[in-house]
């Protein structure tokens, strides 16, 4: 996921800004490809339940898109990596609720809060990335 986030923008921001094509469909396809590839690889190499893999792939892809929009394509890896580190380092306990939401990626498959959080990240990140594109730096 972190490696694929670098592909959320082109190497030449001025070329991307002046292109005479609509970027939203291409960006949506790019996000879908990243989510599918991430879910496929994780499903092959782990025994995690498919629901957790799909939930986390969608949420982390949304976070990568949001990071690309806010920080640029070179730092698109930051939000997914921080989320993974927090979820791996803090135990998944139901109280306090803010901590429960913070560790959404490590929650059990039946967690409604984790599914809701992942869906919010996926929709928010995709909407920001599709409408604004990656931040142009330089």
N, C-alpha and C. Protein backbone atom coordinates (compact mmCIF):
# COMPACT_ATOMS: atom_id res chain seq x y z
N UNK A 1 0.82 -1.18 0.00
CA UNK A 1 0.00 0.00 0.00
C UNK A 1 0.87 1.25 0.00
N UNK A 2 1.84 1.31 0.87
CA UNK A 2 2.67 2.50 0.97
C UNK A 2 3.47 2.73 -0.31
N UNK A 3 3.93 1.67 -0.91
CA UNK A 3 4.70 1.79 -2.15
C UNK A 3 3.81 2.24 -3.30
N UNK A 4 2.61 1.71 -3.36
CA UNK A 4 1.70 2.04 -4.45
C UNK A 4 1.18 3.47 -4.36
N UNK A 5 1.20 4.05 -3.16
CA UNK A 5 0.73 5.42 -3.00
C UNK A 5 1.54 6.42 -3.79
N UNK A 6 2.78 6.11 -4.09
CA UNK A 6 3.62 7.01 -4.88
C UNK A 6 3.08 7.17 -6.31
N UNK A 7 2.32 6.21 -6.76
CA UNK A 7 1.74 6.28 -8.10
C UNK A 7 0.49 7.13 -8.19
N UNK A 8 0.13 7.80 -7.11
CA UNK A 8 -1.07 8.63 -7.12
C UNK A 8 -0.85 10.02 -7.70
N UNK A 9 0.22 10.19 -8.41
CA UNK A 9 0.49 11.45 -9.08
C UNK A 9 1.56 11.24 -10.12
N UNK A 10 1.60 12.12 -11.08
CA UNK A 10 2.59 12.01 -12.14
C UNK A 10 3.92 12.63 -11.74
N UNK A 11 4.92 12.36 -12.53
CA UNK A 11 6.25 12.89 -12.26
C UNK A 11 6.36 14.37 -12.58
N UNK A 12 5.48 14.87 -13.44
CA UNK A 12 5.53 16.27 -13.85
C UNK A 12 4.19 16.95 -13.52
N UNK A 13 4.11 17.66 -12.41
CA UNK A 13 2.84 18.29 -12.02
C UNK A 13 2.31 19.29 -13.04
N UNK A 14 3.18 20.01 -13.73
CA UNK A 14 2.70 21.00 -14.70
C UNK A 14 2.08 20.31 -15.91
N UNK A 15 2.61 19.18 -16.31
CA UNK A 15 2.02 18.43 -17.41
C UNK A 15 0.65 17.90 -17.01
N UNK A 16 0.54 17.41 -15.79
CA UNK A 16 -0.74 16.90 -15.31
C UNK A 16 -1.77 18.02 -15.20
N UNK A 17 -1.34 19.21 -14.81
CA UNK A 17 -2.26 20.33 -14.64
C UNK A 17 -2.76 20.87 -15.96
N UNK A 18 -1.99 20.74 -17.02
CA UNK A 18 -2.38 21.32 -18.30
C UNK A 18 -2.93 20.30 -19.30
N UNK A 19 -3.00 19.05 -18.92
CA UNK A 19 -3.49 18.03 -19.84
C UNK A 19 -4.95 18.28 -20.18
N UNK A 20 -5.31 17.99 -21.39
CA UNK A 20 -6.67 18.24 -21.88
C UNK A 20 -7.56 17.01 -21.73
N UNK A 21 -7.33 16.24 -20.70
CA UNK A 21 -8.16 15.06 -20.45
C UNK A 21 -8.78 15.18 -19.06
N UNK A 22 -9.86 14.45 -18.86
CA UNK A 22 -10.49 14.43 -17.54
C UNK A 22 -9.75 13.43 -16.67
N UNK A 23 -9.30 13.91 -15.52
CA UNK A 23 -8.48 13.06 -14.65
C UNK A 23 -9.31 12.21 -13.70
N UNK A 24 -10.53 12.62 -13.38
CA UNK A 24 -11.32 11.90 -12.37
C UNK A 24 -11.50 10.42 -12.69
N UNK A 25 -11.88 10.02 -13.92
CA UNK A 25 -12.03 8.59 -14.19
C UNK A 25 -10.71 7.82 -14.07
N UNK A 26 -9.63 8.42 -14.50
CA UNK A 26 -8.33 7.76 -14.39
C UNK A 26 -7.89 7.63 -12.93
N UNK A 27 -8.15 8.66 -12.15
CA UNK A 27 -7.82 8.61 -10.73
C UNK A 27 -8.66 7.55 -10.00
N UNK A 28 -9.93 7.46 -10.36
CA UNK A 28 -10.80 6.44 -9.74
C UNK A 28 -10.31 5.04 -10.09
N UNK A 29 -9.92 4.83 -11.32
CA UNK A 29 -9.39 3.53 -11.73
C UNK A 29 -8.09 3.22 -11.01
N UNK A 30 -7.26 4.22 -10.83
CA UNK A 30 -5.99 4.05 -10.11
C UNK A 30 -6.25 3.64 -8.66
N UNK A 31 -7.19 4.31 -7.99
CA UNK A 31 -7.52 3.96 -6.61
C UNK A 31 -8.10 2.55 -6.51
N UNK A 32 -8.98 2.21 -7.44
CA UNK A 32 -9.56 0.86 -7.44
C UNK A 32 -8.49 -0.20 -7.65
N UNK A 33 -7.56 0.05 -8.54
CA UNK A 33 -6.48 -0.91 -8.80
C UNK A 33 -5.60 -1.08 -7.57
N UNK A 34 -5.30 0.00 -6.88
CA UNK A 34 -4.48 -0.09 -5.67
C UNK A 34 -5.21 -0.90 -4.59
N UNK A 35 -6.50 -0.64 -4.40
CA UNK A 35 -7.27 -1.36 -3.39
C UNK A 35 -7.36 -2.85 -3.72
N UNK A 36 -7.61 -3.18 -4.98
CA UNK A 36 -7.73 -4.58 -5.38
C UNK A 36 -6.38 -5.29 -5.26
N UNK A 37 -5.33 -4.65 -5.70
CA UNK A 37 -4.00 -5.26 -5.60
C UNK A 37 -3.60 -5.48 -4.15
N UNK A 38 -3.85 -4.50 -3.30
CA UNK A 38 -3.54 -4.64 -1.88
C UNK A 38 -4.33 -5.78 -1.26
N UNK A 39 -5.63 -5.83 -1.51
CA UNK A 39 -6.47 -6.89 -0.95
C UNK A 39 -6.04 -8.26 -1.46
N UNK A 40 -5.68 -8.36 -2.73
CA UNK A 40 -5.26 -9.64 -3.30
C UNK A 40 -3.97 -10.13 -2.66
N UNK A 41 -2.99 -9.25 -2.56
CA UNK A 41 -1.69 -9.65 -1.98
C UNK A 41 -1.86 -10.06 -0.52
N UNK A 42 -2.60 -9.28 0.24
CA UNK A 42 -2.79 -9.60 1.66
C UNK A 42 -3.57 -10.90 1.82
N UNK A 43 -4.55 -11.15 0.98
CA UNK A 43 -5.31 -12.39 1.05
C UNK A 43 -4.44 -13.60 0.76
N UNK A 44 -3.52 -13.46 -0.18
CA UNK A 44 -2.64 -14.57 -0.54
C UNK A 44 -1.63 -14.88 0.56
N UNK A 45 -1.09 -13.87 1.22
CA UNK A 45 0.01 -14.09 2.16
C UNK A 45 -0.42 -14.20 3.63
N UNK A 46 -1.70 -14.08 3.93
CA UNK A 46 -2.13 -14.13 5.32
C UNK A 46 -3.40 -14.96 5.48
N UNK A 47 -3.73 -15.26 6.71
CA UNK A 47 -4.95 -16.00 7.00
C UNK A 47 -6.03 -15.10 7.59
N UNK A 48 -5.89 -13.80 7.43
CA UNK A 48 -6.89 -12.85 7.95
C UNK A 48 -8.21 -13.06 7.23
N UNK A 49 -9.32 -12.85 7.92
CA UNK A 49 -10.63 -12.98 7.28
C UNK A 49 -10.78 -12.00 6.11
N UNK A 50 -11.49 -12.44 5.10
CA UNK A 50 -11.64 -11.62 3.89
C UNK A 50 -12.31 -10.29 4.19
N UNK A 51 -13.25 -10.26 5.11
CA UNK A 51 -13.92 -9.01 5.46
C UNK A 51 -12.96 -7.98 6.03
N UNK A 52 -12.05 -8.43 6.87
CA UNK A 52 -11.06 -7.53 7.46
C UNK A 52 -10.12 -7.01 6.37
N UNK A 53 -9.71 -7.91 5.48
CA UNK A 53 -8.79 -7.52 4.41
C UNK A 53 -9.43 -6.47 3.51
N UNK A 54 -10.67 -6.70 3.11
CA UNK A 54 -11.36 -5.74 2.24
C UNK A 54 -11.60 -4.41 2.95
N UNK A 55 -12.02 -4.49 4.22
CA UNK A 55 -12.25 -3.27 4.99
C UNK A 55 -10.98 -2.45 5.11
N UNK A 56 -9.88 -3.10 5.49
CA UNK A 56 -8.63 -2.39 5.68
C UNK A 56 -8.04 -1.90 4.36
N UNK A 57 -8.19 -2.67 3.30
CA UNK A 57 -7.68 -2.23 1.99
C UNK A 57 -8.41 -0.98 1.53
N UNK A 58 -9.72 -0.95 1.70
CA UNK A 58 -10.49 0.24 1.30
C UNK A 58 -10.12 1.45 2.16
N UNK A 59 -10.05 1.26 3.48
CA UNK A 59 -9.72 2.37 4.36
C UNK A 59 -8.32 2.90 4.16
N UNK A 60 -7.35 2.00 4.01
CA UNK A 60 -5.97 2.43 3.82
C UNK A 60 -5.75 3.07 2.45
N UNK A 61 -6.46 2.59 1.44
CA UNK A 61 -6.39 3.23 0.12
C UNK A 61 -6.95 4.65 0.20
N UNK A 62 -8.05 4.82 0.92
CA UNK A 62 -8.61 6.15 1.12
C UNK A 62 -7.65 7.07 1.85
N UNK A 63 -6.96 6.52 2.85
CA UNK A 63 -5.96 7.32 3.58
C UNK A 63 -4.79 7.71 2.68
N UNK A 64 -4.36 6.80 1.82
CA UNK A 64 -3.28 7.12 0.88
C UNK A 64 -3.72 8.21 -0.09
N UNK A 65 -4.96 8.13 -0.56
CA UNK A 65 -5.47 9.17 -1.46
C UNK A 65 -5.57 10.51 -0.75
N UNK A 66 -6.02 10.48 0.50
CA UNK A 66 -6.11 11.72 1.27
C UNK A 66 -4.72 12.32 1.51
N UNK A 67 -3.75 11.46 1.83
CA UNK A 67 -2.38 11.94 2.04
C UNK A 67 -1.79 12.51 0.75
N UNK A 68 -2.07 11.88 -0.39
CA UNK A 68 -1.59 12.41 -1.67
C UNK A 68 -2.19 13.77 -1.95
N UNK A 69 -3.45 13.94 -1.59
CA UNK A 69 -4.11 15.23 -1.80
C UNK A 69 -3.56 16.30 -0.87
N UNK A 70 -3.29 15.93 0.37
CA UNK A 70 -2.82 16.91 1.35
C UNK A 70 -1.32 17.18 1.27
N UNK A 71 -0.52 16.12 1.09
CA UNK A 71 0.93 16.24 1.20
C UNK A 71 1.68 16.04 -0.11
N UNK A 72 1.04 15.55 -1.15
CA UNK A 72 1.71 15.24 -2.41
C UNK A 72 1.97 13.75 -2.53
N UNK A 73 2.25 13.31 -3.75
CA UNK A 73 2.38 11.88 -4.01
C UNK A 73 3.57 11.25 -3.29
N UNK A 74 4.62 12.02 -3.06
CA UNK A 74 5.80 11.46 -2.40
C UNK A 74 5.55 11.11 -0.94
N UNK A 75 4.56 11.74 -0.34
CA UNK A 75 4.24 11.46 1.06
C UNK A 75 2.89 10.75 1.20
N UNK A 76 2.41 10.13 0.14
CA UNK A 76 1.13 9.43 0.20
C UNK A 76 1.18 8.23 1.13
N UNK A 77 2.34 7.77 1.46
CA UNK A 77 2.51 6.61 2.33
C UNK A 77 2.30 6.94 3.80
N UNK A 78 2.34 8.20 4.19
CA UNK A 78 2.39 8.57 5.60
C UNK A 78 1.16 8.14 6.39
N UNK A 79 -0.02 8.48 5.96
CA UNK A 79 -1.22 8.16 6.73
C UNK A 79 -1.47 6.65 6.84
N UNK A 80 -1.33 5.86 5.76
CA UNK A 80 -1.51 4.41 5.93
C UNK A 80 -0.47 3.79 6.87
N UNK A 81 0.78 4.23 6.80
CA UNK A 81 1.82 3.65 7.65
C UNK A 81 1.59 4.03 9.11
N UNK A 82 1.24 5.27 9.38
CA UNK A 82 0.95 5.68 10.75
C UNK A 82 -0.24 4.91 11.30
N UNK A 83 -1.27 4.74 10.50
CA UNK A 83 -2.44 3.97 10.93
C UNK A 83 -2.07 2.53 11.24
N UNK A 84 -1.27 1.92 10.40
CA UNK A 84 -0.83 0.54 10.65
C UNK A 84 0.00 0.43 11.90
N UNK A 85 0.89 1.38 12.12
CA UNK A 85 1.74 1.35 13.32
C UNK A 85 0.91 1.53 14.58
N UNK A 86 -0.04 2.45 14.55
CA UNK A 86 -0.90 2.67 15.72
C UNK A 86 -1.74 1.42 15.98
N UNK A 87 -2.31 0.83 14.94
CA UNK A 87 -3.14 -0.35 15.12
C UNK A 87 -2.34 -1.55 15.61
N UNK A 88 -1.09 -1.65 15.20
CA UNK A 88 -0.25 -2.76 15.64
C UNK A 88 0.31 -2.53 17.04
N UNK A 89 0.50 -1.28 17.42
CA UNK A 89 1.14 -0.99 18.70
C UNK A 89 0.21 -0.79 19.86
N UNK A 90 -1.06 -0.50 19.59
CA UNK A 90 -2.02 -0.25 20.66
C UNK A 90 -3.05 -1.38 20.64
N UNK A 91 -3.32 -2.00 21.78
CA UNK A 91 -4.29 -3.09 21.80
C UNK A 91 -5.69 -2.61 21.44
N UNK A 92 -6.44 -3.47 20.78
CA UNK A 92 -7.80 -3.14 20.35
C UNK A 92 -8.76 -3.33 21.52
N UNK A 93 -8.99 -2.26 22.27
CA UNK A 93 -9.91 -2.31 23.41
C UNK A 93 -11.09 -1.40 23.12
N UNK A 94 -12.30 -1.76 23.59
CA UNK A 94 -13.48 -0.96 23.25
C UNK A 94 -13.60 0.38 23.97
N UNK A 95 -12.88 0.57 25.05
CA UNK A 95 -12.96 1.83 25.78
C UNK A 95 -11.57 2.41 25.96
N UNK A 96 -11.35 3.67 25.83
CA UNK A 96 -12.27 4.71 25.40
C UNK A 96 -12.57 4.61 23.90
N UNK A 97 -13.70 5.14 23.52
CA UNK A 97 -14.17 4.98 22.15
C UNK A 97 -13.24 5.65 21.14
N UNK A 98 -12.63 6.76 21.50
CA UNK A 98 -11.69 7.44 20.60
C UNK A 98 -10.51 6.53 20.27
N UNK A 99 -10.01 5.81 21.26
CA UNK A 99 -8.91 4.87 21.04
C UNK A 99 -9.36 3.70 20.17
N UNK A 100 -10.59 3.30 20.36
CA UNK A 100 -11.17 2.23 19.55
C UNK A 100 -11.23 2.64 18.08
N UNK A 101 -11.61 3.88 17.82
CA UNK A 101 -11.64 4.38 16.44
C UNK A 101 -10.24 4.54 15.88
N UNK A 102 -9.29 4.94 16.71
CA UNK A 102 -7.92 5.13 16.28
C UNK A 102 -7.27 3.82 15.84
N UNK A 103 -7.68 2.73 16.43
CA UNK A 103 -7.13 1.41 16.09
C UNK A 103 -8.08 0.61 15.21
N UNK A 104 -8.78 1.28 14.32
CA UNK A 104 -9.80 0.63 13.49
C UNK A 104 -9.24 -0.50 12.64
N UNK A 105 -8.02 -0.39 12.16
CA UNK A 105 -7.47 -1.40 11.26
C UNK A 105 -7.16 -2.71 11.98
N UNK A 106 -7.07 -2.70 13.29
CA UNK A 106 -6.78 -3.92 14.04
C UNK A 106 -7.99 -4.51 14.74
N UNK A 107 -9.16 -3.97 14.46
CA UNK A 107 -10.38 -4.43 15.12
C UNK A 107 -10.86 -5.76 14.53
N UNK A 108 -11.66 -6.50 15.29
CA UNK A 108 -12.18 -7.77 14.79
C UNK A 108 -13.12 -7.58 13.60
N UNK A 109 -13.40 -8.65 12.87
CA UNK A 109 -14.21 -8.54 11.65
C UNK A 109 -15.63 -8.02 11.87
N UNK A 110 -16.21 -8.23 13.05
CA UNK A 110 -17.59 -7.82 13.29
C UNK A 110 -17.72 -6.41 13.86
N UNK A 111 -16.66 -5.64 13.88
CA UNK A 111 -16.68 -4.30 14.45
C UNK A 111 -17.34 -3.31 13.49
N UNK A 112 -18.49 -2.81 13.92
CA UNK A 112 -19.21 -1.82 13.11
C UNK A 112 -18.45 -0.50 13.09
N UNK A 113 -17.85 -0.14 14.21
CA UNK A 113 -17.09 1.12 14.28
C UNK A 113 -15.90 1.09 13.32
N UNK A 114 -15.21 -0.04 13.22
CA UNK A 114 -14.07 -0.15 12.31
C UNK A 114 -14.54 -0.08 10.86
N UNK A 115 -15.65 -0.73 10.55
CA UNK A 115 -16.19 -0.68 9.18
C UNK A 115 -16.62 0.74 8.82
N UNK A 116 -17.26 1.42 9.76
CA UNK A 116 -17.69 2.79 9.52
C UNK A 116 -16.49 3.72 9.33
N UNK A 117 -15.49 3.56 10.18
CA UNK A 117 -14.28 4.39 10.07
C UNK A 117 -13.58 4.16 8.74
N UNK A 118 -13.43 2.90 8.35
CA UNK A 118 -12.80 2.58 7.06
C UNK A 118 -13.60 3.16 5.90
N UNK A 119 -14.92 3.07 5.98
CA UNK A 119 -15.76 3.61 4.91
C UNK A 119 -15.64 5.13 4.82
N UNK A 120 -15.58 5.79 5.97
CA UNK A 120 -15.41 7.25 5.97
C UNK A 120 -14.07 7.63 5.36
N UNK A 121 -13.01 6.92 5.74
CA UNK A 121 -11.69 7.21 5.17
C UNK A 121 -11.67 6.93 3.66
N UNK A 122 -12.29 5.85 3.24
CA UNK A 122 -12.30 5.50 1.82
C UNK A 122 -13.05 6.55 1.01
N UNK A 123 -14.22 6.95 1.47
CA UNK A 123 -15.03 7.93 0.73
C UNK A 123 -14.39 9.31 0.76
N UNK A 124 -13.92 9.73 1.93
CA UNK A 124 -13.30 11.05 2.06
C UNK A 124 -12.02 11.15 1.23
N UNK A 125 -11.17 10.14 1.33
CA UNK A 125 -9.93 10.14 0.56
C UNK A 125 -10.18 10.10 -0.93
N UNK A 126 -11.10 9.25 -1.36
CA UNK A 126 -11.40 9.16 -2.79
C UNK A 126 -12.01 10.46 -3.30
N UNK A 127 -12.93 11.04 -2.55
CA UNK A 127 -13.55 12.29 -2.99
C UNK A 127 -12.52 13.41 -3.11
N UNK A 128 -11.64 13.52 -2.12
CA UNK A 128 -10.61 14.57 -2.17
C UNK A 128 -9.67 14.34 -3.34
N UNK A 129 -9.26 13.10 -3.54
CA UNK A 129 -8.30 12.80 -4.60
C UNK A 129 -8.92 12.96 -5.98
N UNK A 130 -10.17 12.54 -6.14
CA UNK A 130 -10.83 12.64 -7.44
C UNK A 130 -11.10 14.08 -7.84
N UNK A 131 -11.43 14.91 -6.86
CA UNK A 131 -11.75 16.31 -7.19
C UNK A 131 -10.52 17.21 -7.25
N UNK A 132 -9.56 17.00 -6.37
CA UNK A 132 -8.40 17.88 -6.30
C UNK A 132 -7.15 17.31 -6.93
N UNK A 133 -7.02 16.01 -6.89
CA UNK A 133 -5.79 15.38 -7.40
C UNK A 133 -4.67 15.50 -6.37
N UNK A 134 -3.49 15.04 -6.72
CA UNK A 134 -2.38 15.12 -5.78
C UNK A 134 -1.90 16.57 -5.64
N UNK A 135 -1.39 16.88 -4.47
CA UNK A 135 -0.85 18.22 -4.25
C UNK A 135 0.36 18.44 -5.13
N UNK A 136 0.40 19.61 -5.74
CA UNK A 136 1.52 19.93 -6.62
C UNK A 136 2.61 20.62 -5.79
N UNK A 137 3.74 19.99 -5.73
CA UNK A 137 4.86 20.52 -4.95
C UNK A 137 5.97 20.91 -5.92
N UNK A 138 6.50 22.08 -5.72
CA UNK A 138 7.63 22.50 -6.54
C UNK A 138 7.20 23.35 -7.61
